[in-house]
Amino acid sequence: MIDLRSDTVTKPTSGMLDYMVKAEVGDDVYKEDPSVNQLEEYMASLFGMDAALYFPTGTMANQAAIKLLTQPGDQLICDKWAHVYNFEGGGAAFNSGVSCKLIDGDRGKITAEQVENAVNPPDFYHSPLSALVCLENTTNKGGGACYALDDIKAIKNVCEKNDLKLHLDGARLFNAIVAQKHDPKVYGELFDTISICLSKGLGAPMGTILLGNKEVMDKAMRVRKILGGGMRQVGFAAAAAYYALQHQVDRLKDDHRRAKEIAETLLGQDYIADVEPVETNIVIFYLKKISC
């Protein structure tokens, strides 16, 4: 059976399993796990950012970023379908004491103009202080849509103008990088923090990397500890993630091609009402309503 529910149901390849078994490990809480350190150093260098920290899950990495970039009572701005709002258990409110202002974007993507209009006046103390913008690339419920770099740059300009931080939920960022042939360092230049999941299309069993500048990331270890994310000999999993980055990024093109083939096939079926445009590896389709 080929399971197409999600790109999270991948399993390690034989090469990945061999690499995991041979991994050198240590206690990561003490930053003594060589495989974790190798992964973090590689990712920080790849994106041109100061530092990286390995988290067990994407949700925890996103929640840590929100905690690091806001204060209780602040407000973050995101699309109405954003993962940080819809699928992280209300963590933004629970962990950081922040509210969310939702924007009605296009397939999960928001514009600079929409962000500008969503910012609360900082001197109007009756409303929450706008502090953070969270983007998602690719978009999950937007059907794997990718942001154009010019659109992200325009949003970055709005953030700088209004003293807002900018976080990227890059759960599937490598899908966007491959689809649009981008240099990862471009994203490192634009965002204050980036979370990148390694257990989806890349096929590692677990793990997400959080990237940021030194000032932010110096505090990230403490936040990860508070959220329960301290791990011990986790180098076996980090080795799988490192293997995926070395061997499986280019293979995402195959996922994108197959997703488009599935979309084309679905469009030819009489029980399908519509299929969302397919850019990467997510296919969203709608069934026709049947009258009884």
C-alpha atoms as a PDB file:
ATOM      1  CA  MET A   1       0.000   0.000   0.000  1.00  0.00           C
ATOM      2  CA  ILE A   2       1.180   3.537  -0.797  1.00  0.00           C
ATOM      3  CA  ASP A   3       0.052   5.820   2.026  1.00  0.00           C
ATOM      4  CA  LEU A   4      -0.722   9.316   0.728  1.00  0.00           C
ATOM      5  CA  ARG A   5      -2.356  10.767   3.835  1.00  0.00           C
ATOM      6  CA  SER A   6       0.670  12.897   4.643  1.00  0.00           C
ATOM      7  CA  ASP A   7       4.399  13.302   4.063  1.00  0.00           C
ATOM      8  CA  THR A   8       4.778  12.561   7.787  1.00  0.00           C
ATOM      9  CA  VAL A   9       4.238   8.812   7.300  1.00  0.00           C
ATOM     10  CA  THR A  10       7.628   8.283   5.649  1.00  0.00           C
ATOM     11  CA  LYS A  11       9.993   5.560   6.835  1.00  0.00           C
ATOM     12  CA  PRO A  12      13.813   5.580   6.923  1.00  0.00           C
ATOM     13  CA  THR A  13      15.633   4.183   3.892  1.00  0.00           C
ATOM     14  CA  SER A  14      18.164   1.393   4.362  1.00  0.00           C
ATOM     15  CA  GLY A  15      20.970   3.931   3.886  1.00  0.00           C
ATOM     16  CA  MET A  16      19.495   6.177   6.576  1.00  0.00           C
ATOM     17  CA  LEU A  17      19.128   3.257   8.991  1.00  0.00           C
ATOM     18  CA  ASP A  18      22.757   2.250   8.466  1.00  0.00           C
ATOM     19  CA  TYR A  19      23.879   5.831   9.088  1.00  0.00           C
ATOM     20  CA  MET A  20      21.805   6.015  12.291  1.00  0.00           C
ATOM     21  CA  VAL A  21      23.291   2.801  13.681  1.00  0.00           C
ATOM     22  CA  LYS A  22      26.819   4.129  13.192  1.00  0.00           C
ATOM     23  CA  ALA A  23      26.105   7.570  14.690  1.00  0.00           C
ATOM     24  CA  GLU A  24      28.345   8.862  17.454  1.00  0.00           C
ATOM     25  CA  VAL A  25      26.209  10.088  20.347  1.00  0.00           C
ATOM     26  CA  GLY A  26      26.496  11.924  23.650  1.00  0.00           C
ATOM     27  CA  ASP A  27      24.308  13.871  26.064  1.00  0.00           C
ATOM     28  CA  ASP A  28      22.682  16.687  24.103  1.00  0.00           C
ATOM     29  CA  VAL A  29      21.413  18.445  27.248  1.00  0.00           C
ATOM     30  CA  TYR A  30      25.106  19.136  27.909  1.00  0.00           C
ATOM     31  CA  LYS A  31      25.652  19.849  24.189  1.00  0.00           C
ATOM     32  CA  GLU A  32      27.913  16.787  24.060  1.00  0.00           C
ATOM     33  CA  ASP A  33      26.203  14.878  21.256  1.00  0.00           C
ATOM     34  CA  PRO A  34      28.481  15.061  18.190  1.00  0.00           C
ATOM     35  CA  SER A  35      25.747  14.092  15.735  1.00  0.00           C
ATOM     36  CA  VAL A  36      23.380  16.780  17.010  1.00  0.00           C
ATOM     37  CA  ASN A  37      26.164  19.370  16.966  1.00  0.00           C
ATOM     38  CA  GLN A  38      27.048  18.407  13.392  1.00  0.00           C
ATOM     39  CA  LEU A  39      23.415  18.816  12.288  1.00  0.00           C
ATOM     40  CA  GLU A  40      23.028  22.186  14.014  1.00  0.00           C
ATOM     41  CA  GLU A  41      26.288  23.562  12.633  1.00  0.00           C
ATOM     42  CA  TYR A  42      25.443  22.380   9.121  1.00  0.00           C
ATOM     43  CA  MET A  43      21.982  23.973   9.144  1.00  0.00           C
ATOM     44  CA  ALA A  44      23.214  27.285  10.571  1.00  0.00           C
ATOM     45  CA  SER A  45      25.873  27.439   7.858  1.00  0.00           C
ATOM     46  CA  LEU A  46      23.453  26.410   5.103  1.00  0.00           C
ATOM     47  CA  PHE A  47      21.071  29.265   5.931  1.00  0.00           C
ATOM     48  CA  GLY A  48      23.758  31.768   6.888  1.00  0.00           C
ATOM     49  CA  MET A  49      22.378  32.218  10.415  1.00  0.00           C
ATOM     50  CA  ASP A  50      24.265  32.435  13.697  1.00  0.00           C
ATOM     51  CA  ALA A  51      23.012  29.312  15.401  1.00  0.00           C
ATOM     52  CA  ALA A  52      20.657  26.348  15.248  1.00  0.00           C
ATOM     53  CA  LEU A  53      18.991  24.199  17.907  1.00  0.00           C
ATOM     54  CA  TYR A  54      17.520  20.707  17.465  1.00  0.00           C
ATOM     55  CA  PHE A  55      13.948  20.252  18.746  1.00  0.00           C
ATOM     56  CA  PRO A  56      11.886  17.049  18.937  1.00  0.00           C
ATOM     57  CA  THR A  57       8.924  18.536  17.047  1.00  0.00           C
ATOM     58  CA  GLY A  58       7.961  21.376  14.738  1.00  0.00           C
ATOM     59  CA  THR A  59       5.228  22.545  17.089  1.00  0.00           C
ATOM     60  CA  MET A  60       7.723  22.916  19.938  1.00  0.00           C
ATOM     61  CA  ALA A  61      10.160  24.815  17.702  1.00  0.00           C
ATOM     62  CA  ASN A  62       7.431  27.197  16.543  1.00  0.00           C
ATOM     63  CA  GLN A  63       6.225  27.719  20.099  1.00  0.00           C
ATOM     64  CA  ALA A  64       9.765  28.412  21.257  1.00  0.00           C
ATOM     65  CA  ALA A  65      10.189  31.011  18.511  1.00  0.00           C
ATOM     66  CA  ILE A  66       6.971  32.759  19.535  1.00  0.00           C
ATOM     67  CA  LYS A  67       8.105  32.737  23.175  1.00  0.00           C
ATOM     68  CA  LEU A  68      11.506  34.151  22.248  1.00  0.00           C
ATOM     69  CA  LEU A  69      10.133  36.969  20.078  1.00  0.00           C
ATOM     70  CA  THR A  70       7.150  38.190  22.128  1.00  0.00           C
ATOM     71  CA  GLN A  71       6.040  39.237  25.583  1.00  0.00           C
ATOM     72  CA  PRO A  72       2.769  38.256  27.321  1.00  0.00           C
ATOM     73  CA  GLY A  73      -0.058  40.468  26.063  1.00  0.00           C
ATOM     74  CA  ASP A  74       1.516  40.884  22.616  1.00  0.00           C
ATOM     75  CA  GLN A  75      -0.178  39.887  19.392  1.00  0.00           C
ATOM     76  CA  LEU A  76       1.124  37.887  16.444  1.00  0.00           C
ATOM     77  CA  ILE A  77      -0.167  38.310  12.899  1.00  0.00           C
ATOM     78  CA  CYS A  78      -0.697  35.286  10.671  1.00  0.00           C
ATOM     79  CA  ASP A  79      -2.929  33.788   8.008  1.00  0.00           C
ATOM     80  CA  LYS A  80      -6.238  32.302   9.130  1.00  0.00           C
ATOM     81  CA  TRP A  81      -5.002  28.831   8.141  1.00  0.00           C
ATOM     82  CA  ALA A  82      -1.628  29.153   9.853  1.00  0.00           C
ATOM     83  CA  HIS A  83      -0.343  26.072  11.631  1.00  0.00           C
ATOM     84  CA  VAL A  84       0.736  28.132  14.664  1.00  0.00           C
ATOM     85  CA  TYR A  85      -2.894  29.142  15.178  1.00  0.00           C
ATOM     86  CA  ASN A  86      -4.901  26.105  14.072  1.00  0.00           C
ATOM     87  CA  PHE A  87      -2.801  23.054  14.830  1.00  0.00           C
ATOM     88  CA  GLU A  88      -0.620  23.733  17.854  1.00  0.00           C
ATOM     89  CA  GLY A  89      -3.194  23.293  20.593  1.00  0.00           C
ATOM     90  CA  GLY A  90      -3.594  26.967  21.406  1.00  0.00           C
ATOM     91  CA  GLY A  91       0.069  27.028  22.386  1.00  0.00           C
ATOM     92  CA  ALA A  92       0.615  30.679  21.488  1.00  0.00           C
ATOM     93  CA  ALA A  93      -1.868  31.676  24.184  1.00  0.00           C
ATOM     94  CA  PHE A  94      -0.918  28.938  26.668  1.00  0.00           C
ATOM     95  CA  ASN A  95       2.875  29.176  26.422  1.00  0.00           C
ATOM     96  CA  SER A  96       3.446  32.829  25.557  1.00  0.00           C
ATOM     97  CA  GLY A  97       0.286  34.672  26.550  1.00  0.00           C
ATOM     98  CA  VAL A  98      -0.140  36.165  23.085  1.00  0.00           C
ATOM     99  CA  SER A  99      -3.203  36.519  20.891  1.00  0.00           C
ATOM    100  CA  CYS A 100      -3.413  36.050  17.134  1.00  0.00           C
ATOM    101  CA  LYS A 101      -4.750  38.464  14.553  1.00  0.00           C
ATOM    102  CA  LEU A 102      -5.877  36.383  11.595  1.00  0.00           C
ATOM    103  CA  ILE A 103      -5.583  37.545   7.992  1.00  0.00           C
ATOM    104  CA  ASP A 104      -7.746  36.240   5.168  1.00  0.00           C
ATOM    105  CA  GLY A 105      -4.909  35.417   2.785  1.00  0.00           C
ATOM    106  CA  ASP A 106      -4.717  33.541  -0.497  1.00  0.00           C
ATOM    107  CA  ARG A 107      -4.041  29.806  -0.045  1.00  0.00           C
ATOM    108  CA  GLY A 108      -2.355  30.478   3.265  1.00  0.00           C
ATOM    109  CA  LYS A 109      -0.241  33.373   2.005  1.00  0.00           C
ATOM    110  CA  ILE A 110      -0.600  36.962   3.204  1.00  0.00           C
ATOM    111  CA  THR A 111       0.612  40.217   1.649  1.00  0.00           C
ATOM    112  CA  ALA A 112       2.600  43.172   2.922  1.00  0.00           C
ATOM    113  CA  GLU A 113      -0.454  45.405   2.557  1.00  0.00           C
ATOM    114  CA  GLN A 114      -2.531  43.027   4.681  1.00  0.00           C
ATOM    115  CA  VAL A 115       0.164  42.936   7.351  1.00  0.00           C
ATOM    116  CA  GLU A 116       0.400  46.743   7.345  1.00  0.00           C
ATOM    117  CA  ASN A 117      -3.365  47.013   7.815  1.00  0.00           C
ATOM    118  CA  ALA A 118      -3.314  44.467  10.639  1.00  0.00           C
ATOM    119  CA  VAL A 119      -0.756  46.256  12.815  1.00  0.00           C
ATOM    120  CA  ASN A 120      -2.320  47.824  15.894  1.00  0.00           C
ATOM    121  CA  PRO A 121      -1.262  51.427  16.663  1.00  0.00           C
ATOM    122  CA  PRO A 122       1.470  51.049  19.311  1.00  0.00           C
ATOM    123  CA  ASP A 123       0.238  54.059  21.285  1.00  0.00           C
ATOM    124  CA  PHE A 124      -3.350  52.708  21.496  1.00  0.00           C
ATOM    125  CA  TYR A 125      -3.045  50.758  24.729  1.00  0.00           C
ATOM    126  CA  HIS A 126      -6.569  49.313  24.499  1.00  0.00           C
ATOM    127  CA  SER A 127      -5.452  46.830  21.834  1.00  0.00           C
ATOM    128  CA  PRO A 128      -2.683  44.210  22.024  1.00  0.00           C
ATOM    129  CA  LEU A 129       0.752  45.326  20.919  1.00  0.00           C
ATOM    130  CA  SER A 130       1.565  43.891  17.505  1.00  0.00           C
ATOM    131  CA  ALA A 131       4.968  42.231  17.906  1.00  0.00           C
ATOM    132  CA  LEU A 132       5.405  39.304  15.518  1.00  0.00           C
ATOM    133  CA  VAL A 133       4.446  38.154  12.032  1.00  0.00           C
ATOM    134  CA  CYS A 134       4.419  34.403  11.344  1.00  0.00           C
ATOM    135  CA  LEU A 135       4.583  33.157   7.758  1.00  0.00           C
ATOM    136  CA  GLU A 136       4.309  29.561   6.559  1.00  0.00           C
ATOM    137  CA  ASN A 137       6.258  28.335   3.524  1.00  0.00           C
ATOM    138  CA  THR A 138       5.075  26.100   1.998  1.00  0.00           C
ATOM    139  CA  THR A 139       1.540  26.532   3.271  1.00  0.00           C
ATOM    140  CA  ASN A 140      -0.070  23.427   4.723  1.00  0.00           C
ATOM    141  CA  LYS A 141      -3.801  24.048   4.368  1.00  0.00           C
ATOM    142  CA  GLY A 142      -3.011  26.302   1.412  1.00  0.00           C
ATOM    143  CA  GLY A 143      -2.111  23.176  -0.531  1.00  0.00           C
ATOM    144  CA  GLY A 144       1.666  23.464  -0.532  1.00  0.00           C
ATOM    145  CA  ALA A 145       1.701  26.966  -2.040  1.00  0.00           C
ATOM    146  CA  CYS A 146       5.028  28.822  -2.064  1.00  0.00           C
ATOM    147  CA  TYR A 147       5.668  32.476  -1.256  1.00  0.00           C
ATOM    148  CA  ALA A 148       7.439  34.546  -3.901  1.00  0.00           C
ATOM    149  CA  LEU A 149      10.617  36.041  -2.455  1.00  0.00           C
ATOM    150  CA  ASP A 150       9.562  39.552  -3.453  1.00  0.00           C
ATOM    151  CA  ASP A 151       6.400  39.145  -1.368  1.00  0.00           C
ATOM    152  CA  ILE A 152       8.416  38.044   1.672  1.00  0.00           C
ATOM    153  CA  LYS A 153      10.799  40.966   1.206  1.00  0.00           C
ATOM    154  CA  ALA A 154       7.843  43.369   1.118  1.00  0.00           C
ATOM    155  CA  ILE A 155       6.512  41.887   4.357  1.00  0.00           C
ATOM    156  CA  LYS A 156       9.986  42.189   5.896  1.00  0.00           C
ATOM    157  CA  ASN A 157       9.982  45.903   5.034  1.00  0.00           C
ATOM    158  CA  VAL A 158       6.655  46.326   6.816  1.00  0.00           C
ATOM    159  CA  CYS A 159       8.048  44.498   9.855  1.00  0.00           C
ATOM    160  CA  GLU A 160      11.124  46.717  10.007  1.00  0.00           C
ATOM    161  CA  LYS A 161       8.995  49.840   9.607  1.00  0.00           C
ATOM    162  CA  ASN A 162       6.721  48.795  12.487  1.00  0.00           C
ATOM    163  CA  ASP A 163       9.346  47.191  14.758  1.00  0.00           C
ATOM    164  CA  LEU A 164       7.900  43.676  14.305  1.00  0.00           C
ATOM    165  CA  LYS A 165       9.800  40.401  14.399  1.00  0.00           C
ATOM    166  CA  LEU A 166       9.373  37.891  11.563  1.00  0.00           C
ATOM    167  CA  HIS A 167       9.219  34.109  12.065  1.00  0.00           C
ATOM    168  CA  LEU A 168       9.033  31.483   9.340  1.00  0.00           C
ATOM    169  CA  ASP A 169       7.239  28.222   9.983  1.00  0.00           C
ATOM    170  CA  GLY A 170       9.311  26.396   7.395  1.00  0.00           C
ATOM    171  CA  ALA A 171       7.982  22.920   8.103  1.00  0.00           C
ATOM    172  CA  ARG A 172       8.257  22.258   4.361  1.00  0.00           C
ATOM    173  CA  LEU A 173      10.746  24.973   3.488  1.00  0.00           C
ATOM    174  CA  PHE A 174      12.953  22.605   1.512  1.00  0.00           C
ATOM    175  CA  ASN A 175       9.989  21.870  -0.754  1.00  0.00           C
ATOM    176  CA  ALA A 176       9.785  25.595  -1.526  1.00  0.00           C
ATOM    177  CA  ILE A 177      13.560  25.861  -1.981  1.00  0.00           C
ATOM    178  CA  VAL A 178      13.591  22.973  -4.448  1.00  0.00           C
ATOM    179  CA  ALA A 179      10.463  24.096  -6.320  1.00  0.00           C
ATOM    180  CA  GLN A 180      11.678  27.674  -6.730  1.00  0.00           C
ATOM    181  CA  LYS A 181      15.434  26.988  -6.938  1.00  0.00           C
ATOM    182  CA  HIS A 182      16.227  29.380  -4.079  1.00  0.00           C
ATOM    183  CA  ASP A 183      19.431  29.754  -2.107  1.00  0.00           C
ATOM    184  CA  PRO A 184      18.672  28.899   1.559  1.00  0.00           C
ATOM    185  CA  LYS A 185      20.740  31.899   2.671  1.00  0.00           C
ATOM    186  CA  VAL A 186      18.103  34.232   1.212  1.00  0.00           C
ATOM    187  CA  TYR A 187      15.709  33.055   3.917  1.00  0.00           C
ATOM    188  CA  GLY A 188      18.353  33.464   6.591  1.00  0.00           C
ATOM    189  CA  GLU A 189      18.679  37.118   5.615  1.00  0.00           C
ATOM    190  CA  LEU A 190      14.945  37.805   5.857  1.00  0.00           C
ATOM    191  CA  PHE A 191      13.748  36.104   9.043  1.00  0.00           C
ATOM    192  CA  ASP A 192      14.523  36.504  12.726  1.00  0.00           C
ATOM    193  CA  THR A 193      13.820  32.813  13.314  1.00  0.00           C
ATOM    194  CA  ILE A 194      13.119  29.836  11.050  1.00  0.00           C
ATOM    195  CA  SER A 195      11.812  26.402  12.002  1.00  0.00           C
ATOM    196  CA  ILE A 196      12.506  23.561   9.562  1.00  0.00           C
ATOM    197  CA  CYS A 197      10.945  20.135   9.988  1.00  0.00           C
ATOM    198  CA  LEU A 198      13.058  17.146   8.953  1.00  0.00           C
ATOM    199  CA  SER A 199      10.472  14.404   9.494  1.00  0.00           C
ATOM    200  CA  LYS A 200       8.175  15.221   6.601  1.00  0.00           C
ATOM    201  CA  GLY A 201       9.149  14.845   2.939  1.00  0.00           C
ATOM    202  CA  LEU A 202      12.829  14.506   3.838  1.00  0.00           C
ATOM    203  CA  GLY A 203      12.000  11.278   5.643  1.00  0.00           C
ATOM    204  CA  ALA A 204      13.814  11.522   8.991  1.00  0.00           C
ATOM    205  CA  PRO A 205      11.972   9.818  11.889  1.00  0.00           C
ATOM    206  CA  MET A 206      11.776  12.985  13.997  1.00  0.00           C
ATOM    207  CA  GLY A 207      13.166  16.429  14.615  1.00  0.00           C
ATOM    208  CA  THR A 208      12.971  20.107  13.740  1.00  0.00           C
ATOM    209  CA  ILE A 209      15.715  22.716  13.610  1.00  0.00           C
ATOM    210  CA  LEU A 210      15.186  26.261  14.910  1.00  0.00           C
ATOM    211  CA  LEU A 211      17.501  28.889  13.415  1.00  0.00           C
ATOM    212  CA  GLY A 212      18.144  32.438  14.541  1.00  0.00           C
ATOM    213  CA  ASN A 213      20.675  35.093  15.447  1.00  0.00           C
ATOM    214  CA  LYS A 214      22.966  34.689  18.443  1.00  0.00           C
ATOM    215  CA  GLU A 215      21.005  36.993  20.734  1.00  0.00           C
ATOM    216  CA  VAL A 216      17.809  34.983  20.260  1.00  0.00           C
ATOM    217  CA  MET A 217      19.357  31.537  20.162  1.00  0.00           C
ATOM    218  CA  ASP A 218      21.356  32.099  23.354  1.00  0.00           C
ATOM    219  CA  LYS A 219      17.961  32.023  25.097  1.00  0.00           C
ATOM    220  CA  ALA A 220      16.531  29.149  23.069  1.00  0.00           C
ATOM    221  CA  MET A 221      18.119  26.385  25.156  1.00  0.00           C
ATOM    222  CA  ARG A 222      16.327  27.628  28.260  1.00  0.00           C
ATOM    223  CA  VAL A 223      12.988  27.860  26.448  1.00  0.00           C
ATOM    224  CA  ARG A 224      13.426  24.366  24.995  1.00  0.00           C
ATOM    225  CA  LYS A 225      14.097  23.080  28.528  1.00  0.00           C
ATOM    226  CA  ILE A 226      10.988  24.817  29.892  1.00  0.00           C
ATOM    227  CA  LEU A 227       8.874  23.249  27.143  1.00  0.00           C
ATOM    228  CA  GLY A 228      10.256  19.803  27.976  1.00  0.00           C
ATOM    229  CA  GLY A 229      12.430  19.463  24.894  1.00  0.00           C
ATOM    230  CA  GLY A 230      15.760  18.562  26.459  1.00  0.00           C
ATOM    231  CA  MET A 231      16.968  15.257  24.991  1.00  0.00           C
ATOM    232  CA  ARG A 232      19.862  12.971  25.826  1.00  0.00           C
ATOM    233  CA  GLN A 233      21.501  10.573  23.320  1.00  0.00           C
ATOM    234  CA  VAL A 234      19.378  11.868  20.479  1.00  0.00           C
ATOM    235  CA  GLY A 235      22.212  11.757  17.954  1.00  0.00           C
ATOM    236  CA  PHE A 236      20.717   8.646  16.368  1.00  0.00           C
ATOM    237  CA  ALA A 237      17.741  10.742  15.236  1.00  0.00           C
ATOM    238  CA  ALA A 238      19.892  13.764  14.372  1.00  0.00           C
ATOM    239  CA  ALA A 239      22.067  11.503  12.209  1.00  0.00           C
ATOM    240  CA  ALA A 240      18.976  10.465  10.260  1.00  0.00           C
ATOM    241  CA  ALA A 241      18.126  14.130   9.696  1.00  0.00           C
ATOM    242  CA  TYR A 242      21.681  14.882   8.555  1.00  0.00           C
ATOM    243  CA  TYR A 243      21.565  11.916   6.165  1.00  0.00           C
ATOM    244  CA  ALA A 244      18.268  13.191   4.747  1.00  0.00           C
ATOM    245  CA  LEU A 245      19.775  16.609   4.087  1.00  0.00           C
ATOM    246  CA  GLN A 246      22.727  15.058   2.273  1.00  0.00           C
ATOM    247  CA  HIS A 247      20.790  12.545   0.165  1.00  0.00           C
ATOM    248  CA  GLN A 248      17.105  13.363  -0.126  1.00  0.00           C
ATOM    249  CA  VAL A 249      16.600  17.073  -0.779  1.00  0.00           C
ATOM    250  CA  ASP A 250      16.835  16.730  -4.556  1.00  0.00           C
ATOM    251  CA  ARG A 251      14.385  13.829  -4.428  1.00  0.00           C
ATOM    252  CA  LEU A 252      11.663  16.279  -3.376  1.00  0.00           C
ATOM    253  CA  LYS A 253      11.373  17.099  -7.095  1.00  0.00           C
ATOM    254  CA  ASP A 254      10.016  13.583  -7.590  1.00  0.00           C
ATOM    255  CA  ASP A 255       7.367  14.190  -4.916  1.00  0.00           C
ATOM    256  CA  HIS A 256       6.317  17.405  -6.655  1.00  0.00           C
ATOM    257  CA  ARG A 257       6.079  15.689 -10.020  1.00  0.00           C
ATOM    258  CA  ARG A 258       4.019  12.823  -8.634  1.00  0.00           C
ATOM    259  CA  ALA A 259       1.690  15.218  -6.804  1.00  0.00           C
ATOM    260  CA  LYS A 260       0.977  17.029 -10.085  1.00  0.00           C
ATOM    261  CA  GLU A 261       0.290  13.682 -11.774  1.00  0.00           C
ATOM    262  CA  ILE A 262      -2.173  12.763  -9.027  1.00  0.00           C
ATOM    263  CA  ALA A 263      -3.895  16.144  -9.412  1.00  0.00           C
ATOM    264  CA  GLU A 264      -4.226  15.681 -13.174  1.00  0.00           C
ATOM    265  CA  THR A 265      -5.666  12.192 -12.690  1.00  0.00           C
ATOM    266  CA  LEU A 266      -8.164  13.422 -10.106  1.00  0.00           C
ATOM    267  CA  LEU A 267      -9.367  16.181 -12.426  1.00  0.00           C
ATOM    268  CA  GLY A 268     -10.363  13.491 -14.918  1.00  0.00           C
ATOM    269  CA  GLN A 269     -12.661  11.718 -12.469  1.00  0.00           C
ATOM    270  CA  ASP A 270     -16.393  12.455 -12.564  1.00  0.00           C
ATOM    271  CA  TYR A 271     -16.704  12.393  -8.752  1.00  0.00           C
ATOM    272  CA  ILE A 272     -14.182  15.206  -8.252  1.00  0.00           C
ATOM    273  CA  ALA A 273     -15.563  18.729  -7.984  1.00  0.00           C
ATOM    274  CA  ASP A 274     -12.247  20.598  -7.954  1.00  0.00           C
ATOM    275  CA  VAL A 275      -8.522  20.289  -7.241  1.00  0.00           C
ATOM    276  CA  GLU A 276      -6.461  23.107  -5.759  1.00  0.00           C
ATOM    277  CA  PRO A 277      -3.410  24.215  -7.790  1.00  0.00           C
ATOM    278  CA  VAL A 278      -0.422  21.975  -7.002  1.00  0.00           C
ATOM    279  CA  GLU A 279       2.996  23.595  -6.562  1.00  0.00           C
ATOM    280  CA  THR A 280       4.804  21.118  -4.364  1.00  0.00           C
ATOM    281  CA  ASN A 281       3.823  17.872  -2.610  1.00  0.00           C
ATOM    282  CA  ILE A 282       0.331  18.562  -1.252  1.00  0.00           C
ATOM    283  CA  VAL A 283      -2.865  17.765  -3.166  1.00  0.00           C
ATOM    284  CA  ILE A 284      -6.169  19.159  -1.891  1.00  0.00           C
ATOM    285  CA  PHE A 285      -9.304  18.105  -3.750  1.00  0.00           C
ATOM    286  CA  TYR A 286     -13.060  18.308  -3.272  1.00  0.00           C
ATOM    287  CA  LEU A 287     -15.664  15.641  -3.896  1.00  0.00           C
ATOM    288  CA  LYS A 288     -18.891  16.388  -5.694  1.00  0.00           C
ATOM    289  CA  LYS A 289     -22.019  16.422  -3.552  1.00  0.00           C
ATOM    290  CA  ILE A 290     -24.319  13.536  -4.351  1.00  0.00           C
ATOM    291  CA  SER A 291     -28.068  14.088  -4.229  1.00  0.00           C
ATOM    292  CA  CYS A 292     -29.979  11.256  -2.580  1.00  0.00           C
END
